[in-house]
C-alpha atoms as a PDB file:
ATOM      1  CA  UNK A   1      -0.450 -30.953 -43.220  1.00  0.00           C
ATOM      2  CA  UNK A   2       1.563 -31.088 -39.990  1.00  0.00           C
ATOM      3  CA  UNK A   3       3.911 -28.418 -41.285  1.00  0.00           C
ATOM      4  CA  UNK A   4       0.957 -26.215 -42.169  1.00  0.00           C
ATOM      5  CA  UNK A   5      -0.598 -26.723 -38.717  1.00  0.00           C
ATOM      6  CA  UNK A   6       2.755 -25.959 -37.055  1.00  0.00           C
ATOM      7  CA  UNK A   7       3.175 -22.804 -39.150  1.00  0.00           C
ATOM      8  CA  UNK A   8      -0.371 -21.741 -38.308  1.00  0.00           C
ATOM      9  CA  UNK A   9       0.293 -22.256 -34.609  1.00  0.00           C
ATOM     10  CA  UNK A  10       3.512 -20.233 -34.749  1.00  0.00           C
ATOM     11  CA  UNK A  11       1.746 -17.446 -36.649  1.00  0.00           C
ATOM     12  CA  UNK A  12      -1.046 -17.417 -34.072  1.00  0.00           C
ATOM     13  CA  UNK A  13       1.446 -17.211 -31.178  1.00  0.00           C
ATOM     14  CA  UNK A  14       3.343 -14.354 -32.856  1.00  0.00           C
ATOM     15  CA  UNK A  15       0.096 -12.488 -33.563  1.00  0.00           C
ATOM     16  CA  UNK A  16      -1.085 -12.845 -29.953  1.00  0.00           C
ATOM     17  CA  UNK A  17       2.337 -11.804 -28.661  1.00  0.00           C
ATOM     18  CA  UNK A  18       2.226  -8.716 -30.874  1.00  0.00           C
ATOM     19  CA  UNK A  19      -1.232  -7.805 -29.596  1.00  0.00           C
ATOM     20  CA  UNK A  20      -0.123  -8.254 -25.975  1.00  0.00           C
ATOM     21  CA  UNK A  21       2.933  -6.060 -26.560  1.00  0.00           C
ATOM     22  CA  UNK A  22       0.728  -3.383 -28.128  1.00  0.00           C
ATOM     23  CA  UNK A  23      -1.594  -3.432 -25.106  1.00  0.00           C
ATOM     24  CA  UNK A  24       1.305  -3.218 -22.660  1.00  0.00           C
ATOM     25  CA  UNK A  25       2.792  -0.450 -24.811  1.00  0.00           C
ATOM     26  CA  UNK A  26      -0.446   1.463 -24.667  1.00  0.00           C
ATOM     27  CA  UNK A  27      -0.699   1.203 -20.887  1.00  0.00           C
ATOM     28  CA  UNK A  28       2.931   1.812 -19.991  1.00  0.00           C
ATOM     29  CA  UNK A  29       5.228   3.406 -22.558  1.00  0.00           C
ATOM     30  CA  UNK A  30       2.672   5.992 -23.688  1.00  0.00           C
ATOM     31  CA  UNK A  31       1.365   6.651 -20.190  1.00  0.00           C
ATOM     32  CA  UNK A  32       2.094   9.881 -18.341  1.00  0.00           C
ATOM     33  CA  UNK A  33       2.867   7.901 -15.214  1.00  0.00           C
ATOM     34  CA  UNK A  34       3.437  10.738 -12.751  1.00  0.00           C
ATOM     35  CA  UNK A  35       0.238  12.544 -13.740  1.00  0.00           C
ATOM     36  CA  UNK A  36      -1.710   9.274 -13.834  1.00  0.00           C
ATOM     37  CA  UNK A  37      -0.653   8.307 -10.313  1.00  0.00           C
ATOM     38  CA  UNK A  38      -1.042  11.813  -8.900  1.00  0.00           C
ATOM     39  CA  UNK A  39      -4.634  11.950 -10.158  1.00  0.00           C
ATOM     40  CA  UNK A  40      -5.505   8.510  -8.782  1.00  0.00           C
ATOM     41  CA  UNK A  41      -3.595   8.132  -5.516  1.00  0.00           C
ATOM     42  CA  UNK A  42      -2.942   9.957  -2.234  1.00  0.00           C
ATOM     43  CA  UNK A  43       0.137   8.985  -0.210  1.00  0.00           C
ATOM     44  CA  UNK A  44       0.317   8.967   3.605  1.00  0.00           C
ATOM     45  CA  UNK A  45       3.363   8.267   5.775  1.00  0.00           C
ATOM     46  CA  UNK A  46       3.065   6.872   9.301  1.00  0.00           C
ATOM     47  CA  UNK A  47       5.651   8.700  11.393  1.00  0.00           C
ATOM     48  CA  UNK A  48       6.270   9.869  14.936  1.00  0.00           C
ATOM     49  CA  UNK A  49       7.773  13.281  14.205  1.00  0.00           C
ATOM     50  CA  UNK A  50       8.605  13.398  10.464  1.00  0.00           C
ATOM     51  CA  UNK A  51      11.995  11.895  11.246  1.00  0.00           C
ATOM     52  CA  UNK A  52      13.772   8.758  10.071  1.00  0.00           C
ATOM     53  CA  UNK A  53      13.391   8.555   6.249  1.00  0.00           C
ATOM     54  CA  UNK A  54      10.427  10.908   5.859  1.00  0.00           C
ATOM     55  CA  UNK A  55      12.456  13.643   4.112  1.00  0.00           C
ATOM     56  CA  UNK A  56      13.763  11.118   1.574  1.00  0.00           C
ATOM     57  CA  UNK A  57      10.247   9.822   0.962  1.00  0.00           C
ATOM     58  CA  UNK A  58       9.056  13.358   0.245  1.00  0.00           C
ATOM     59  CA  UNK A  59      11.942  13.828  -2.178  1.00  0.00           C
ATOM     60  CA  UNK A  60      10.534  10.969  -4.254  1.00  0.00           C
ATOM     61  CA  UNK A  61       6.857  11.767  -3.561  1.00  0.00           C
ATOM     62  CA  UNK A  62       6.577  15.522  -2.861  1.00  0.00           C
ATOM     63  CA  UNK A  63       2.857  15.366  -2.023  1.00  0.00           C
ATOM     64  CA  UNK A  64       3.281  12.620   0.587  1.00  0.00           C
ATOM     65  CA  UNK A  65       1.400  13.559   3.762  1.00  0.00           C
ATOM     66  CA  UNK A  66       2.804  12.763   7.210  1.00  0.00           C
ATOM     67  CA  UNK A  67       0.500  11.264   9.830  1.00  0.00           C
ATOM     68  CA  UNK A  68       2.545  12.462  12.774  1.00  0.00           C
ATOM     69  CA  UNK A  69       2.193  11.906  16.528  1.00  0.00           C
ATOM     70  CA  UNK A  70       4.370  14.834  17.527  1.00  0.00           C
ATOM     71  CA  UNK A  71       4.933  18.301  16.021  1.00  0.00           C
ATOM     72  CA  UNK A  72       7.135  18.299  12.915  1.00  0.00           C
ATOM     73  CA  UNK A  73       9.769  20.898  12.143  1.00  0.00           C
ATOM     74  CA  UNK A  74       7.868  21.859   8.984  1.00  0.00           C
ATOM     75  CA  UNK A  75       4.113  22.313   8.738  1.00  0.00           C
ATOM     76  CA  UNK A  76       3.442  21.418   5.100  1.00  0.00           C
ATOM     77  CA  UNK A  77       1.806  18.090   4.285  1.00  0.00           C
ATOM     78  CA  UNK A  78       1.335  17.102   7.930  1.00  0.00           C
ATOM     79  CA  UNK A  79      -1.735  15.717   9.703  1.00  0.00           C
ATOM     80  CA  UNK A  80      -1.586  15.504  13.497  1.00  0.00           C
ATOM     81  CA  UNK A  81      -2.595  12.087  14.787  1.00  0.00           C
ATOM     82  CA  UNK A  82      -5.547  12.238  17.203  1.00  0.00           C
ATOM     83  CA  UNK A  83      -5.691   8.698  18.531  1.00  0.00           C
ATOM     84  CA  UNK A  84      -7.064   8.638  22.067  1.00  0.00           C
ATOM     85  CA  UNK A  85      -4.749   7.622  24.897  1.00  0.00           C
ATOM     86  CA  UNK A  86      -5.551   3.985  25.604  1.00  0.00           C
ATOM     87  CA  UNK A  87      -3.324   3.751  28.638  1.00  0.00           C
ATOM     88  CA  UNK A  88      -0.351   1.498  29.220  1.00  0.00           C
ATOM     89  CA  UNK A  89      -1.081  -0.822  26.322  1.00  0.00           C
ATOM     90  CA  UNK A  90       1.191  -2.616  23.928  1.00  0.00           C
ATOM     91  CA  UNK A  91       2.542  -0.286  21.232  1.00  0.00           C
ATOM     92  CA  UNK A  92       1.149  -2.582  18.537  1.00  0.00           C
ATOM     93  CA  UNK A  93      -2.391  -1.982  19.795  1.00  0.00           C
ATOM     94  CA  UNK A  94      -1.923   1.788  19.796  1.00  0.00           C
ATOM     95  CA  UNK A  95      -0.520   1.637  16.263  1.00  0.00           C
ATOM     96  CA  UNK A  96      -3.558  -0.357  15.152  1.00  0.00           C
ATOM     97  CA  UNK A  97      -5.821   2.530  16.197  1.00  0.00           C
ATOM     98  CA  UNK A  98      -3.547   5.021  14.465  1.00  0.00           C
ATOM     99  CA  UNK A  99      -3.521   2.950  11.273  1.00  0.00           C
ATOM    100  CA  UNK A 100      -7.329   2.809  11.262  1.00  0.00           C
ATOM    101  CA  UNK A 101      -7.385   6.595  11.702  1.00  0.00           C
ATOM    102  CA  UNK A 102      -5.115   6.900   8.640  1.00  0.00           C
ATOM    103  CA  UNK A 103      -7.426   4.615   6.645  1.00  0.00           C
ATOM    104  CA  UNK A 104     -10.354   6.895   7.530  1.00  0.00           C
ATOM    105  CA  UNK A 105      -8.439   9.947   6.290  1.00  0.00           C
ATOM    106  CA  UNK A 106      -7.653   7.982   3.162  1.00  0.00           C
ATOM    107  CA  UNK A 107     -11.309   6.932   2.734  1.00  0.00           C
ATOM    108  CA  UNK A 108     -12.489  10.543   2.858  1.00  0.00           C
ATOM    109  CA  UNK A 109      -9.901  11.649   0.307  1.00  0.00           C
ATOM    110  CA  UNK A 110     -10.771  12.550  -3.249  1.00  0.00           C
ATOM    111  CA  UNK A 111      -8.877   9.810  -5.081  1.00  0.00           C
ATOM    112  CA  UNK A 112      -9.510   6.183  -5.965  1.00  0.00           C
ATOM    113  CA  UNK A 113      -6.364   4.800  -4.336  1.00  0.00           C
ATOM    114  CA  UNK A 114      -4.202   5.623  -1.363  1.00  0.00           C
ATOM    115  CA  UNK A 115      -0.780   4.411  -0.368  1.00  0.00           C
ATOM    116  CA  UNK A 116       0.277   4.104   3.281  1.00  0.00           C
ATOM    117  CA  UNK A 117       4.014   3.952   3.923  1.00  0.00           C
ATOM    118  CA  UNK A 118       5.990   3.634   7.134  1.00  0.00           C
ATOM    119  CA  UNK A 119       8.750   6.181   7.589  1.00  0.00           C
ATOM    120  CA  UNK A 120      11.594   3.654   7.743  1.00  0.00           C
ATOM    121  CA  UNK A 121      11.238   2.418   4.148  1.00  0.00           C
ATOM    122  CA  UNK A 122      13.648   2.976   1.289  1.00  0.00           C
ATOM    123  CA  UNK A 123      12.607   2.902  -2.361  1.00  0.00           C
ATOM    124  CA  UNK A 124      14.407   0.196  -4.322  1.00  0.00           C
ATOM    125  CA  UNK A 125      14.257   2.004  -7.684  1.00  0.00           C
ATOM    126  CA  UNK A 126      15.014   5.417  -9.096  1.00  0.00           C
ATOM    127  CA  UNK A 127      12.009   7.703  -9.461  1.00  0.00           C
ATOM    128  CA  UNK A 128      11.130   6.898 -13.086  1.00  0.00           C
ATOM    129  CA  UNK A 129      11.159   3.150 -12.424  1.00  0.00           C
ATOM    130  CA  UNK A 130       9.222   3.681  -9.194  1.00  0.00           C
ATOM    131  CA  UNK A 131       6.413   5.568 -10.963  1.00  0.00           C
ATOM    132  CA  UNK A 132       6.342   2.940 -13.711  1.00  0.00           C
ATOM    133  CA  UNK A 133       6.154   0.151 -11.132  1.00  0.00           C
ATOM    134  CA  UNK A 134       3.158   1.726  -9.393  1.00  0.00           C
ATOM    135  CA  UNK A 135       1.370   2.504 -12.659  1.00  0.00           C
ATOM    136  CA  UNK A 136       1.845  -0.921 -14.254  1.00  0.00           C
ATOM    137  CA  UNK A 137       0.672  -2.763 -11.144  1.00  0.00           C
ATOM    138  CA  UNK A 138      -2.374  -0.614 -10.341  1.00  0.00           C
ATOM    139  CA  UNK A 139      -3.664   0.183 -13.834  1.00  0.00           C
ATOM    140  CA  UNK A 140      -7.059  -1.408 -14.529  1.00  0.00           C
ATOM    141  CA  UNK A 141      -5.511  -3.741 -17.113  1.00  0.00           C
ATOM    142  CA  UNK A 142      -4.251  -5.926 -14.256  1.00  0.00           C
ATOM    143  CA  UNK A 143      -6.367  -4.855 -11.279  1.00  0.00           C
ATOM    144  CA  UNK A 144      -9.927  -4.174 -10.168  1.00  0.00           C
ATOM    145  CA  UNK A 145     -11.931  -2.582  -7.367  1.00  0.00           C
ATOM    146  CA  UNK A 146     -11.577  -5.674  -5.164  1.00  0.00           C
ATOM    147  CA  UNK A 147      -7.807  -5.416  -4.932  1.00  0.00           C
ATOM    148  CA  UNK A 148      -5.405  -4.178  -2.257  1.00  0.00           C
ATOM    149  CA  UNK A 149      -1.641  -4.258  -2.777  1.00  0.00           C
ATOM    150  CA  UNK A 150       1.360  -5.067  -0.634  1.00  0.00           C
ATOM    151  CA  UNK A 151       4.103  -3.007  -2.286  1.00  0.00           C
ATOM    152  CA  UNK A 152       6.980  -4.407  -0.227  1.00  0.00           C
ATOM    153  CA  UNK A 153       7.132  -7.922  -1.703  1.00  0.00           C
ATOM    154  CA  UNK A 154       7.784  -9.249  -5.198  1.00  0.00           C
ATOM    155  CA  UNK A 155       5.066 -11.440  -6.723  1.00  0.00           C
ATOM    156  CA  UNK A 156       4.285  -9.998 -10.179  1.00  0.00           C
ATOM    157  CA  UNK A 157       0.466  -9.879 -10.515  1.00  0.00           C
ATOM    158  CA  UNK A 158      -0.391 -13.180  -8.837  1.00  0.00           C
ATOM    159  CA  UNK A 159      -3.043 -13.205  -6.130  1.00  0.00           C
ATOM    160  CA  UNK A 160      -1.960 -13.681  -2.530  1.00  0.00           C
ATOM    161  CA  UNK A 161      -4.923 -14.333  -0.265  1.00  0.00           C
ATOM    162  CA  UNK A 162      -3.364 -15.773   2.876  1.00  0.00           C
ATOM    163  CA  UNK A 163       0.162 -14.421   3.150  1.00  0.00           C
ATOM    164  CA  UNK A 164       0.870 -12.461   6.343  1.00  0.00           C
ATOM    165  CA  UNK A 165       0.180  -8.807   5.586  1.00  0.00           C
ATOM    166  CA  UNK A 166       3.098  -6.414   5.879  1.00  0.00           C
ATOM    167  CA  UNK A 167       2.620  -2.730   6.661  1.00  0.00           C
ATOM    168  CA  UNK A 168       5.780  -1.176   5.199  1.00  0.00           C
ATOM    169  CA  UNK A 169       3.951  -0.180   2.033  1.00  0.00           C
ATOM    170  CA  UNK A 170       0.331  -0.836   1.150  1.00  0.00           C
ATOM    171  CA  UNK A 171      -2.083   0.532  -1.455  1.00  0.00           C
ATOM    172  CA  UNK A 172      -5.831   0.525  -0.804  1.00  0.00           C
ATOM    173  CA  UNK A 173      -8.821   0.997  -3.064  1.00  0.00           C
ATOM    174  CA  UNK A 174     -10.983   3.540  -1.251  1.00  0.00           C
ATOM    175  CA  UNK A 175     -14.239   1.942  -2.455  1.00  0.00           C
ATOM    176  CA  UNK A 176     -13.598  -1.079  -0.243  1.00  0.00           C
ATOM    177  CA  UNK A 177     -12.403   0.867   2.783  1.00  0.00           C
ATOM    178  CA  UNK A 178     -15.747   1.504   4.590  1.00  0.00           C
ATOM    179  CA  UNK A 179     -16.411  -2.214   5.136  1.00  0.00           C
ATOM    180  CA  UNK A 180     -12.710  -2.891   5.703  1.00  0.00           C
ATOM    181  CA  UNK A 181     -12.453  -0.260   8.447  1.00  0.00           C
ATOM    182  CA  UNK A 182     -15.630  -1.525  10.126  1.00  0.00           C
ATOM    183  CA  UNK A 183     -14.145  -5.025  10.155  1.00  0.00           C
ATOM    184  CA  UNK A 184     -10.890  -3.824  11.745  1.00  0.00           C
ATOM    185  CA  UNK A 185     -12.742  -1.802  14.402  1.00  0.00           C
ATOM    186  CA  UNK A 186     -15.063  -4.701  15.220  1.00  0.00           C
ATOM    187  CA  UNK A 187     -12.132  -7.081  15.535  1.00  0.00           C
ATOM    188  CA  UNK A 188     -10.521  -4.731  18.056  1.00  0.00           C
ATOM    189  CA  UNK A 189     -13.812  -4.381  19.965  1.00  0.00           C
ATOM    190  CA  UNK A 190     -14.022  -8.171  20.204  1.00  0.00           C
ATOM    191  CA  UNK A 191     -10.927  -8.077  22.406  1.00  0.00           C
ATOM    192  CA  UNK A 192      -8.268  -9.916  20.402  1.00  0.00           C
ATOM    193  CA  UNK A 193      -4.912 -10.912  21.835  1.00  0.00           C
ATOM    194  CA  UNK A 194      -2.220  -8.281  21.435  1.00  0.00           C
ATOM    195  CA  UNK A 195      -0.682 -10.418  18.694  1.00  0.00           C
ATOM    196  CA  UNK A 196      -3.972 -10.552  16.789  1.00  0.00           C
ATOM    197  CA  UNK A 197      -4.420  -6.794  17.297  1.00  0.00           C
ATOM    198  CA  UNK A 198      -1.233  -6.043  15.365  1.00  0.00           C
ATOM    199  CA  UNK A 199      -1.985  -4.167  12.150  1.00  0.00           C
ATOM    200  CA  UNK A 200      -0.701  -6.933   9.889  1.00  0.00           C
ATOM    201  CA  UNK A 201      -2.939  -9.505  11.582  1.00  0.00           C
ATOM    202  CA  UNK A 202      -5.966  -7.199  11.354  1.00  0.00           C
ATOM    203  CA  UNK A 203      -5.350  -6.597   7.655  1.00  0.00           C
ATOM    204  CA  UNK A 204      -5.045 -10.317   6.949  1.00  0.00           C
ATOM    205  CA  UNK A 205      -8.204 -11.130   8.929  1.00  0.00           C
ATOM    206  CA  UNK A 206     -10.370  -8.486   7.271  1.00  0.00           C
ATOM    207  CA  UNK A 207      -9.079  -9.036   3.742  1.00  0.00           C
ATOM    208  CA  UNK A 208      -9.910 -12.725   4.136  1.00  0.00           C
ATOM    209  CA  UNK A 209     -13.347 -12.109   5.698  1.00  0.00           C
ATOM    210  CA  UNK A 210     -14.318  -9.588   3.007  1.00  0.00           C
ATOM    211  CA  UNK A 211     -12.740 -11.604   0.165  1.00  0.00           C
ATOM    212  CA  UNK A 212     -10.570  -8.683  -0.887  1.00  0.00           C
ATOM    213  CA  UNK A 213      -7.893  -9.820  -3.274  1.00  0.00           C
ATOM    214  CA  UNK A 214      -4.317  -8.945  -2.384  1.00  0.00           C
ATOM    215  CA  UNK A 215      -1.594  -8.522  -4.973  1.00  0.00           C
ATOM    216  CA  UNK A 216       2.068  -7.791  -4.403  1.00  0.00           C
ATOM    217  CA  UNK A 217       4.897  -5.970  -6.131  1.00  0.00           C
ATOM    218  CA  UNK A 218       8.249  -4.698  -4.924  1.00  0.00           C
ATOM    219  CA  UNK A 219       8.514  -0.942  -4.408  1.00  0.00           C
ATOM    220  CA  UNK A 220      10.231  -0.543  -1.037  1.00  0.00           C
ATOM    221  CA  UNK A 221      12.443  -2.375   1.412  1.00  0.00           C
ATOM    222  CA  UNK A 222      12.872  -1.940   5.130  1.00  0.00           C
ATOM    223  CA  UNK A 223      15.856   0.286   5.899  1.00  0.00           C
ATOM    224  CA  UNK A 224      16.915  -1.829   8.866  1.00  0.00           C
ATOM    225  CA  UNK A 225      16.151   0.803  11.497  1.00  0.00           C
ATOM    226  CA  UNK A 226      14.801  -0.478  14.811  1.00  0.00           C
ATOM    227  CA  UNK A 227      11.066  -0.584  15.334  1.00  0.00           C
ATOM    228  CA  UNK A 228       9.535   2.087  17.550  1.00  0.00           C
ATOM    229  CA  UNK A 229       6.829  -0.331  18.675  1.00  0.00           C
ATOM    230  CA  UNK A 230       8.022  -0.789  22.219  1.00  0.00           C
ATOM    231  CA  UNK A 231       5.755  -2.314  24.824  1.00  0.00           C
ATOM    232  CA  UNK A 232       4.046  -0.003  27.297  1.00  0.00           C
ATOM    233  CA  UNK A 233       5.005   3.033  25.249  1.00  0.00           C
ATOM    234  CA  UNK A 234       2.645   5.226  23.258  1.00  0.00           C
ATOM    235  CA  UNK A 235       4.618   5.332  20.019  1.00  0.00           C
ATOM    236  CA  UNK A 236       3.486   5.158  16.446  1.00  0.00           C
ATOM    237  CA  UNK A 237       5.756   2.474  15.067  1.00  0.00           C
END
């Protein structure tokens, strides 16, 4: 009897494993990943003048749109940033307003998701693996409308509610952005400290307040270039 029960258990495990592999197969191997992502996601790059690694980012993602503070050498795929001059404030505060402006552009886009990158990132995979990584982690099999993603940290598909938010690479579901943007703007109006006004702190605060689930997967790393967020300077990053 014990042998029969053990054999039945093994058969059940193998059957479930086969079904899981078939589902994963269906969602990944047979998926046209580039078309799938292009139809679902806009990509925006925070940059000062389309410098640093922006050209390399566009090589991997040709439709990536620059959110630029200064004129770029080329005019394609560029939005000029129109953040008001807030005087001699900390660069982090100015960048917070610019990031909110980018989220509004994203919100009014025509796709379900949007990715916001900073222009000093480097992709850790070749293009095919990169597209697969985005598709597998954002497909509805393992995600829902209440999810944002940090795509600069490895964590498989586990939830991460309270980790400090990083801004190198993030993916947002546009359906949650109206309330999320209102939360960020209200937090700034409430007069936070400059540390609390940093974009990462704002993201963490509003994701927690709105109970938006955050998931993480590794797509990019920081290139090691110095931050452009200098105090008392109106710079984007």
